[in-house]
Amino acid sequence: MVTSPKAAATKADDVIDDVAAAANKTFETPAQVRELAEKGVQQAKQNYSRLKSASEEATDALEDVYATLSKNYKELGKKSVEATRSNVNAHFDFLSSLAAAKSLSEAVELQASYARRQFEVIGSQAKELSALAQRAAADSAKPFQDVAAKGLKFAPTR
């Protein structure tokens, strides 16, 4: 049983060679017909080789995308957890300060100060997380851009 795309491609190459060899042994054909058939087989092999190469490049690109996405989204998740932890700690610190307030005016001042600080912190965190997400998207598209820049190798050349 074939276990990978590359092993399947190798097996297909072997089958094509076996069929071509059997066809040459089985029939005694005129030279022109044999030459035409050999050209057809050769062209089919070349086209198959180009298609196989393009498929392998696409598979490699997909593997690169998966590895890049995995790494970048792991980092994004880590930063999200850090931001959440920071915000929760800041909120608990605020609540401790609020509980220790001696007057209503002090409590209102603590609330206003906390709100301003958290507005700035959350804005900064959002920018950082957004930049990470954009980088993850750009990094994951790069392998496909590289493949597209090379062009389609299996397209016939004339």
N, C-alpha and C. Protein backbone atom coordinates (compact mmCIF):
# COMPACT_ATOMS: atom_id res chain seq x y z
N MET A 1 0.85 -1.19 0.00
CA MET A 1 0.00 0.00 0.00
C MET A 1 0.88 1.23 0.00
N VAL A 2 0.52 2.22 -0.78
CA VAL A 2 1.28 3.45 -0.91
C VAL A 2 1.01 4.31 0.31
N THR A 3 2.09 4.87 0.87
CA THR A 3 1.92 5.62 2.11
C THR A 3 2.09 7.13 1.96
N SER A 4 2.62 7.58 0.85
CA SER A 4 2.82 9.02 0.69
C SER A 4 2.64 9.41 -0.77
N PRO A 5 2.40 10.71 -1.02
CA PRO A 5 2.27 11.16 -2.41
C PRO A 5 3.52 10.89 -3.24
N LYS A 6 4.69 11.03 -2.63
CA LYS A 6 5.94 10.81 -3.36
C LYS A 6 6.10 9.33 -3.72
N ALA A 7 5.69 8.44 -2.79
CA ALA A 7 5.76 7.01 -3.08
C ALA A 7 4.78 6.65 -4.19
N ALA A 8 3.61 7.28 -4.19
CA ALA A 8 2.62 7.03 -5.24
C ALA A 8 3.15 7.49 -6.59
N ALA A 9 3.82 8.61 -6.61
CA ALA A 9 4.39 9.13 -7.86
C ALA A 9 5.47 8.19 -8.39
N THR A 10 6.29 7.67 -7.51
CA THR A 10 7.33 6.73 -7.91
C THR A 10 6.71 5.46 -8.48
N LYS A 11 5.67 4.98 -7.83
CA LYS A 11 4.96 3.78 -8.29
C LYS A 11 4.36 4.02 -9.67
N ALA A 12 3.78 5.20 -9.89
CA ALA A 12 3.19 5.54 -11.19
C ALA A 12 4.27 5.58 -12.27
N ASP A 13 5.43 6.11 -11.95
CA ASP A 13 6.55 6.13 -12.91
C ASP A 13 6.92 4.70 -13.31
N ASP A 14 7.00 3.82 -12.33
CA ASP A 14 7.36 2.42 -12.60
C ASP A 14 6.32 1.75 -13.49
N VAL A 15 5.05 2.00 -13.24
CA VAL A 15 3.98 1.40 -14.04
C VAL A 15 4.06 1.89 -15.48
N ILE A 16 4.30 3.17 -15.68
CA ILE A 16 4.42 3.72 -17.04
C ILE A 16 5.58 3.06 -17.78
N ASP A 17 6.71 2.91 -17.11
CA ASP A 17 7.86 2.25 -17.73
C ASP A 17 7.55 0.79 -18.08
N ASP A 18 6.88 0.08 -17.17
CA ASP A 18 6.53 -1.32 -17.42
C ASP A 18 5.58 -1.46 -18.60
N VAL A 19 4.60 -0.59 -18.69
CA VAL A 19 3.64 -0.65 -19.81
C VAL A 19 4.35 -0.37 -21.13
N ALA A 20 5.23 0.61 -21.14
CA ALA A 20 5.96 0.94 -22.36
C ALA A 20 6.85 -0.22 -22.79
N ALA A 21 7.52 -0.85 -21.82
CA ALA A 21 8.40 -1.98 -22.14
C ALA A 21 7.59 -3.16 -22.65
N ALA A 22 6.46 -3.44 -22.03
CA ALA A 22 5.61 -4.56 -22.46
C ALA A 22 5.05 -4.31 -23.86
N ALA A 23 4.69 -3.07 -24.14
CA ALA A 23 4.16 -2.75 -25.47
C ALA A 23 5.21 -2.96 -26.54
N ASN A 24 6.44 -2.63 -26.24
CA ASN A 24 7.52 -2.82 -27.21
C ASN A 24 7.81 -4.30 -27.45
N LYS A 25 7.70 -5.13 -26.43
CA LYS A 25 7.99 -6.56 -26.56
C LYS A 25 6.84 -7.32 -27.22
N THR A 26 5.62 -6.93 -26.95
CA THR A 26 4.46 -7.69 -27.40
C THR A 26 4.20 -7.54 -28.89
N PHE A 27 4.34 -6.37 -29.41
CA PHE A 27 3.97 -6.11 -30.80
C PHE A 27 5.21 -5.80 -31.64
N GLU A 28 5.16 -6.24 -32.84
CA GLU A 28 6.18 -5.86 -33.81
C GLU A 28 5.52 -4.82 -34.70
N THR A 29 5.89 -3.57 -34.52
CA THR A 29 5.24 -2.48 -35.23
C THR A 29 6.20 -1.83 -36.20
N PRO A 30 5.67 -1.18 -37.22
CA PRO A 30 6.54 -0.47 -38.15
C PRO A 30 7.30 0.64 -37.42
N ALA A 31 8.45 0.99 -37.93
CA ALA A 31 9.34 1.96 -37.28
C ALA A 31 8.67 3.31 -37.09
N GLN A 32 7.90 3.78 -38.07
CA GLN A 32 7.25 5.08 -37.95
C GLN A 32 6.21 5.08 -36.83
N VAL A 33 5.45 4.00 -36.75
CA VAL A 33 4.43 3.91 -35.71
C VAL A 33 5.10 3.82 -34.34
N ARG A 34 6.16 3.01 -34.25
CA ARG A 34 6.88 2.87 -32.99
C ARG A 34 7.47 4.22 -32.56
N GLU A 35 8.05 4.93 -33.52
CA GLU A 35 8.63 6.23 -33.23
C GLU A 35 7.58 7.22 -32.74
N LEU A 36 6.42 7.22 -33.40
CA LEU A 36 5.32 8.09 -32.99
C LEU A 36 4.84 7.73 -31.58
N ALA A 37 4.72 6.43 -31.33
CA ALA A 37 4.28 5.98 -30.01
C ALA A 37 5.30 6.36 -28.94
N GLU A 38 6.58 6.18 -29.26
CA GLU A 38 7.62 6.53 -28.30
C GLU A 38 7.62 8.03 -28.01
N LYS A 39 7.40 8.84 -29.04
CA LYS A 39 7.30 10.29 -28.83
C LYS A 39 6.11 10.61 -27.93
N GLY A 40 4.99 9.93 -28.16
CA GLY A 40 3.80 10.14 -27.33
C GLY A 40 4.05 9.77 -25.88
N VAL A 41 4.73 8.61 -25.69
CA VAL A 41 5.05 8.17 -24.33
C VAL A 41 6.02 9.15 -23.68
N GLN A 42 7.02 9.58 -24.44
CA GLN A 42 8.00 10.52 -23.90
C GLN A 42 7.33 11.85 -23.51
N GLN A 43 6.43 12.33 -24.37
CA GLN A 43 5.73 13.57 -24.06
C GLN A 43 4.84 13.39 -22.83
N ALA A 44 4.17 12.25 -22.74
CA ALA A 44 3.33 11.98 -21.56
C ALA A 44 4.18 11.94 -20.30
N LYS A 45 5.37 11.32 -20.39
CA LYS A 45 6.28 11.29 -19.23
C LYS A 45 6.71 12.70 -18.83
N GLN A 46 7.03 13.52 -19.83
CA GLN A 46 7.45 14.89 -19.53
C GLN A 46 6.32 15.68 -18.88
N ASN A 47 5.12 15.55 -19.43
CA ASN A 47 3.97 16.25 -18.85
C ASN A 47 3.68 15.76 -17.43
N TYR A 48 3.78 14.44 -17.25
CA TYR A 48 3.55 13.88 -15.93
C TYR A 48 4.62 14.39 -14.96
N SER A 49 5.87 14.45 -15.43
CA SER A 49 6.96 14.93 -14.58
C SER A 49 6.73 16.38 -14.15
N ARG A 50 6.28 17.20 -15.09
CA ARG A 50 5.99 18.61 -14.75
C ARG A 50 4.85 18.70 -13.74
N LEU A 51 3.81 17.91 -13.98
CA LEU A 51 2.66 17.92 -13.07
C LEU A 51 3.07 17.42 -11.69
N LYS A 52 3.88 16.37 -11.67
CA LYS A 52 4.37 15.81 -10.41
C LYS A 52 5.18 16.85 -9.65
N SER A 53 6.06 17.55 -10.36
CA SER A 53 6.89 18.58 -9.74
C SER A 53 6.04 19.70 -9.17
N ALA A 54 5.06 20.15 -9.94
CA ALA A 54 4.17 21.22 -9.46
C ALA A 54 3.38 20.75 -8.24
N SER A 55 2.94 19.50 -8.26
CA SER A 55 2.18 18.96 -7.12
C SER A 55 3.05 18.88 -5.87
N GLU A 56 4.30 18.47 -6.06
CA GLU A 56 5.22 18.40 -4.92
C GLU A 56 5.49 19.79 -4.35
N GLU A 57 5.65 20.78 -5.24
CA GLU A 57 5.85 22.16 -4.77
C GLU A 57 4.63 22.65 -4.00
N ALA A 58 3.44 22.34 -4.50
CA ALA A 58 2.22 22.76 -3.80
C ALA A 58 2.12 22.07 -2.44
N THR A 59 2.47 20.79 -2.40
CA THR A 59 2.44 20.06 -1.13
C THR A 59 3.45 20.65 -0.14
N ASP A 60 4.64 20.94 -0.64
CA ASP A 60 5.65 21.57 0.23
C ASP A 60 5.17 22.93 0.73
N ALA A 61 4.52 23.68 -0.15
CA ALA A 61 3.99 24.99 0.25
C ALA A 61 2.94 24.83 1.34
N LEU A 62 2.07 23.84 1.19
CA LEU A 62 1.04 23.60 2.22
C LEU A 62 1.68 23.22 3.55
N GLU A 63 2.71 22.40 3.50
CA GLU A 63 3.40 22.02 4.73
C GLU A 63 4.03 23.25 5.39
N ASP A 64 4.63 24.12 4.57
CA ASP A 64 5.23 25.36 5.11
C ASP A 64 4.16 26.25 5.73
N VAL A 65 3.01 26.36 5.05
CA VAL A 65 1.91 27.18 5.56
C VAL A 65 1.45 26.64 6.91
N TYR A 66 1.27 25.33 7.00
CA TYR A 66 0.81 24.74 8.26
C TYR A 66 1.81 25.02 9.39
N ALA A 67 3.09 24.82 9.12
CA ALA A 67 4.11 25.05 10.15
C ALA A 67 4.13 26.52 10.57
N THR A 68 4.03 27.42 9.60
CA THR A 68 4.05 28.85 9.90
C THR A 68 2.81 29.25 10.69
N LEU A 69 1.65 28.79 10.24
CA LEU A 69 0.41 29.12 10.95
C LEU A 69 0.45 28.59 12.38
N SER A 70 0.91 27.38 12.54
CA SER A 70 0.98 26.79 13.87
C SER A 70 1.85 27.63 14.79
N LYS A 71 3.02 28.02 14.29
CA LYS A 71 3.95 28.81 15.10
C LYS A 71 3.35 30.19 15.42
N ASN A 72 2.82 30.86 14.40
CA ASN A 72 2.31 32.22 14.60
C ASN A 72 1.06 32.25 15.48
N TYR A 73 0.16 31.30 15.31
CA TYR A 73 -1.04 31.31 16.13
C TYR A 73 -0.76 30.85 17.56
N LYS A 74 0.29 30.07 17.73
CA LYS A 74 0.72 29.73 19.09
C LYS A 74 1.19 31.01 19.78
N GLU A 75 1.98 31.80 19.07
CA GLU A 75 2.46 33.08 19.62
C GLU A 75 1.29 34.03 19.88
N LEU A 76 0.34 34.07 18.95
CA LEU A 76 -0.84 34.92 19.13
C LEU A 76 -1.65 34.49 20.36
N GLY A 77 -1.83 33.20 20.53
CA GLY A 77 -2.54 32.69 21.71
C GLY A 77 -1.81 33.03 23.00
N LYS A 78 -0.49 32.89 22.97
CA LYS A 78 0.32 33.21 24.15
C LYS A 78 0.18 34.69 24.52
N LYS A 79 0.25 35.56 23.51
CA LYS A 79 0.10 37.01 23.77
C LYS A 79 -1.31 37.33 24.27
N SER A 80 -2.31 36.63 23.77
CA SER A 80 -3.69 36.85 24.23
C SER A 80 -3.83 36.47 25.71
N VAL A 81 -3.23 35.36 26.08
CA VAL A 81 -3.29 34.92 27.48
C VAL A 81 -2.54 35.92 28.37
N GLU A 82 -1.38 36.38 27.90
CA GLU A 82 -0.63 37.37 28.68
C GLU A 82 -1.44 38.66 28.86
N ALA A 83 -2.10 39.10 27.81
CA ALA A 83 -2.91 40.32 27.89
C ALA A 83 -4.07 40.12 28.86
N THR A 84 -4.71 38.97 28.79
CA THR A 84 -5.83 38.69 29.69
C THR A 84 -5.34 38.66 31.14
N ARG A 85 -4.21 38.00 31.37
CA ARG A 85 -3.66 37.91 32.72
C ARG A 85 -3.35 39.32 33.25
N SER A 86 -2.73 40.14 32.42
CA SER A 86 -2.39 41.50 32.81
C SER A 86 -3.65 42.31 33.15
N ASN A 87 -4.67 42.18 32.32
CA ASN A 87 -5.92 42.92 32.55
C ASN A 87 -6.63 42.45 33.82
N VAL A 88 -6.64 41.16 34.05
CA VAL A 88 -7.28 40.63 35.27
C VAL A 88 -6.52 41.10 36.50
N ASN A 89 -5.19 41.05 36.45
CA ASN A 89 -4.40 41.52 37.60
C ASN A 89 -4.63 43.01 37.85
N ALA A 90 -4.68 43.79 36.77
CA ALA A 90 -4.94 45.23 36.93
C ALA A 90 -6.32 45.47 37.54
N HIS A 91 -7.30 44.65 37.14
CA HIS A 91 -8.65 44.80 37.69
C HIS A 91 -8.67 44.45 39.17
N PHE A 92 -7.99 43.38 39.57
CA PHE A 92 -7.95 43.02 40.98
C PHE A 92 -7.22 44.09 41.79
N ASP A 93 -6.15 44.64 41.23
CA ASP A 93 -5.44 45.73 41.92
C ASP A 93 -6.37 46.93 42.10
N PHE A 94 -7.13 47.25 41.07
CA PHE A 94 -8.09 48.35 41.15
C PHE A 94 -9.13 48.08 42.23
N LEU A 95 -9.66 46.86 42.24
CA LEU A 95 -10.68 46.54 43.25
C LEU A 95 -10.12 46.63 44.67
N SER A 96 -8.87 46.22 44.85
CA SER A 96 -8.23 46.35 46.18
C SER A 96 -8.11 47.83 46.57
N SER A 97 -7.70 48.65 45.62
CA SER A 97 -7.57 50.10 45.88
C SER A 97 -8.94 50.71 46.16
N LEU A 98 -9.93 50.28 45.41
CA LEU A 98 -11.28 50.81 45.59
C LEU A 98 -11.83 50.44 46.96
N ALA A 99 -11.55 49.21 47.39
CA ALA A 99 -12.03 48.78 48.71
C ALA A 99 -11.35 49.57 49.83
N ALA A 100 -10.14 50.04 49.57
CA ALA A 100 -9.41 50.80 50.59
C ALA A 100 -9.69 52.30 50.54
N ALA A 101 -10.52 52.74 49.58
CA ALA A 101 -10.82 54.16 49.44
C ALA A 101 -11.52 54.67 50.69
N LYS A 102 -11.16 55.89 51.12
CA LYS A 102 -11.70 56.46 52.35
C LYS A 102 -12.89 57.37 52.09
N SER A 103 -13.06 57.79 50.81
CA SER A 103 -14.18 58.68 50.52
C SER A 103 -14.70 58.39 49.11
N LEU A 104 -15.86 58.94 48.84
CA LEU A 104 -16.48 58.77 47.53
C LEU A 104 -15.64 59.46 46.45
N SER A 105 -15.12 60.63 46.75
CA SER A 105 -14.31 61.34 45.76
C SER A 105 -13.03 60.57 45.44
N GLU A 106 -12.44 59.93 46.42
CA GLU A 106 -11.25 59.10 46.18
C GLU A 106 -11.61 57.89 45.31
N ALA A 107 -12.77 57.30 45.56
CA ALA A 107 -13.24 56.14 44.77
C ALA A 107 -13.48 56.55 43.32
N VAL A 108 -14.09 57.72 43.12
CA VAL A 108 -14.35 58.20 41.76
C VAL A 108 -13.02 58.48 41.05
N GLU A 109 -12.07 59.08 41.76
CA GLU A 109 -10.75 59.34 41.17
C GLU A 109 -10.04 58.02 40.80
N LEU A 110 -10.12 57.04 41.68
CA LEU A 110 -9.52 55.73 41.38
C LEU A 110 -10.17 55.10 40.14
N GLN A 111 -11.49 55.21 40.06
CA GLN A 111 -12.22 54.66 38.91
C GLN A 111 -11.81 55.35 37.62
N ALA A 112 -11.72 56.66 37.63
CA ALA A 112 -11.34 57.42 36.44
C ALA A 112 -9.90 57.09 36.02
N SER A 113 -9.03 57.01 36.99
CA SER A 113 -7.62 56.70 36.72
C SER A 113 -7.51 55.28 36.13
N TYR A 114 -8.22 54.34 36.71
CA TYR A 114 -8.20 52.95 36.23
C TYR A 114 -8.75 52.88 34.80
N ALA A 115 -9.84 53.57 34.54
CA ALA A 115 -10.45 53.54 33.22
C ALA A 115 -9.50 54.12 32.16
N ARG A 116 -8.84 55.25 32.48
CA ARG A 116 -7.88 55.84 31.53
C ARG A 116 -6.72 54.88 31.24
N ARG A 117 -6.17 54.33 32.31
CA ARG A 117 -5.03 53.42 32.17
C ARG A 117 -5.41 52.17 31.36
N GLN A 118 -6.54 51.60 31.67
CA GLN A 118 -6.97 50.39 30.96
C GLN A 118 -7.32 50.68 29.50
N PHE A 119 -7.86 51.86 29.24
CA PHE A 119 -8.16 52.24 27.85
C PHE A 119 -6.87 52.25 27.03
N GLU A 120 -5.83 52.83 27.59
CA GLU A 120 -4.52 52.87 26.91
C GLU A 120 -3.92 51.47 26.77
N VAL A 121 -3.97 50.71 27.85
CA VAL A 121 -3.39 49.36 27.83
C VAL A 121 -4.11 48.46 26.82
N ILE A 122 -5.43 48.49 26.84
CA ILE A 122 -6.20 47.63 25.93
C ILE A 122 -5.98 48.07 24.48
N GLY A 123 -5.88 49.36 24.25
CA GLY A 123 -5.58 49.85 22.90
C GLY A 123 -4.23 49.35 22.42
N SER A 124 -3.24 49.40 23.28
CA SER A 124 -1.90 48.90 22.96
C SER A 124 -1.92 47.39 22.71
N GLN A 125 -2.65 46.67 23.56
CA GLN A 125 -2.75 45.23 23.38
C GLN A 125 -3.45 44.87 22.06
N ALA A 126 -4.47 45.61 21.74
CA ALA A 126 -5.20 45.35 20.49
C ALA A 126 -4.29 45.58 19.28
N LYS A 127 -3.49 46.65 19.33
CA LYS A 127 -2.55 46.92 18.23
C LYS A 127 -1.53 45.79 18.09
N GLU A 128 -1.01 45.35 19.23
CA GLU A 128 -0.01 44.28 19.21
C GLU A 128 -0.61 42.98 18.67
N LEU A 129 -1.79 42.62 19.14
CA LEU A 129 -2.43 41.39 18.67
C LEU A 129 -2.81 41.49 17.19
N SER A 130 -3.25 42.66 16.77
CA SER A 130 -3.58 42.88 15.37
C SER A 130 -2.34 42.73 14.49
N ALA A 131 -1.23 43.29 14.93
CA ALA A 131 0.02 43.18 14.17
C ALA A 131 0.46 41.72 14.07
N LEU A 132 0.31 40.97 15.17
CA LEU A 132 0.67 39.55 15.14
C LEU A 132 -0.23 38.78 14.16
N ALA A 133 -1.51 39.07 14.18
CA ALA A 133 -2.45 38.39 13.29
C ALA A 133 -2.14 38.73 11.82
N GLN A 134 -1.82 39.98 11.55
CA GLN A 134 -1.47 40.37 10.18
C GLN A 134 -0.18 39.70 9.73
N ARG A 135 0.78 39.61 10.62
CA ARG A 135 2.04 38.95 10.29
C ARG A 135 1.80 37.46 10.02
N ALA A 136 0.93 36.85 10.83
CA ALA A 136 0.61 35.43 10.63
C ALA A 136 -0.02 35.21 9.26
N ALA A 137 -0.93 36.09 8.88
CA ALA A 137 -1.58 35.96 7.57
C ALA A 137 -0.57 36.17 6.44
N ALA A 138 0.28 37.17 6.58
CA ALA A 138 1.27 37.44 5.53
C ALA A 138 2.29 36.30 5.43
N ASP A 139 2.74 35.81 6.57
CA ASP A 139 3.71 34.71 6.57
C ASP A 139 3.12 33.44 5.97
N SER A 140 1.84 33.20 6.24
CA SER A 140 1.23 31.98 5.71
C SER A 140 0.97 32.07 4.22
N ALA A 141 0.84 33.27 3.69
CA ALA A 141 0.62 33.44 2.24
C ALA A 141 1.92 33.37 1.46
N LYS A 142 3.04 33.62 2.12
CA LYS A 142 4.33 33.68 1.42
C LYS A 142 4.67 32.41 0.64
N PRO A 143 4.53 31.20 1.20
CA PRO A 143 4.87 30.02 0.39
C PRO A 143 4.06 29.92 -0.90
N PHE A 144 2.79 30.31 -0.86
CA PHE A 144 1.97 30.27 -2.08
C PHE A 144 2.41 31.35 -3.06
N GLN A 145 2.81 32.50 -2.55
CA GLN A 145 3.31 33.55 -3.43
C GLN A 145 4.60 33.10 -4.11
N ASP A 146 5.45 32.40 -3.37
CA ASP A 146 6.69 31.89 -3.96
C ASP A 146 6.41 30.90 -5.08
N VAL A 147 5.44 30.01 -4.85
CA VAL A 147 5.08 29.03 -5.88
C VAL A 147 4.49 29.74 -7.10
N ALA A 148 3.64 30.71 -6.86
CA ALA A 148 3.02 31.44 -7.97
C ALA A 148 4.07 32.24 -8.75
N ALA A 149 5.06 32.77 -8.05
CA ALA A 149 6.10 33.55 -8.72
C ALA A 149 6.93 32.67 -9.65
N LYS A 150 7.11 31.43 -9.30
CA LYS A 150 7.86 30.51 -10.16
C LYS A 150 7.09 30.15 -11.42
N GLY A 151 5.79 30.29 -11.34
CA GLY A 151 4.95 29.94 -12.49
C GLY A 151 4.58 28.47 -12.46
N LEU A 152 3.72 28.11 -13.33
CA LEU A 152 3.28 26.72 -13.40
C LEU A 152 4.25 25.93 -14.26
N LYS A 153 5.03 25.09 -13.62
CA LYS A 153 6.05 24.34 -14.34
C LYS A 153 5.46 23.27 -15.25
N PHE A 154 4.25 22.84 -14.96
CA PHE A 154 3.69 21.77 -15.78
C PHE A 154 3.02 22.29 -17.04
N ALA A 155 2.97 23.61 -17.20
CA ALA A 155 2.41 24.17 -18.43
C ALA A 155 3.36 23.87 -19.58
N PRO A 156 2.83 23.47 -20.73
CA PRO A 156 3.71 23.12 -21.84
C PRO A 156 4.53 24.33 -22.31
N THR A 157 5.77 24.06 -22.61
CA THR A 157 6.65 25.11 -23.13
C THR A 157 6.74 24.95 -24.64
N ARG A 158 6.73 26.06 -25.34
CA ARG A 158 6.76 26.00 -26.81
C ARG A 158 7.82 26.88 -27.34
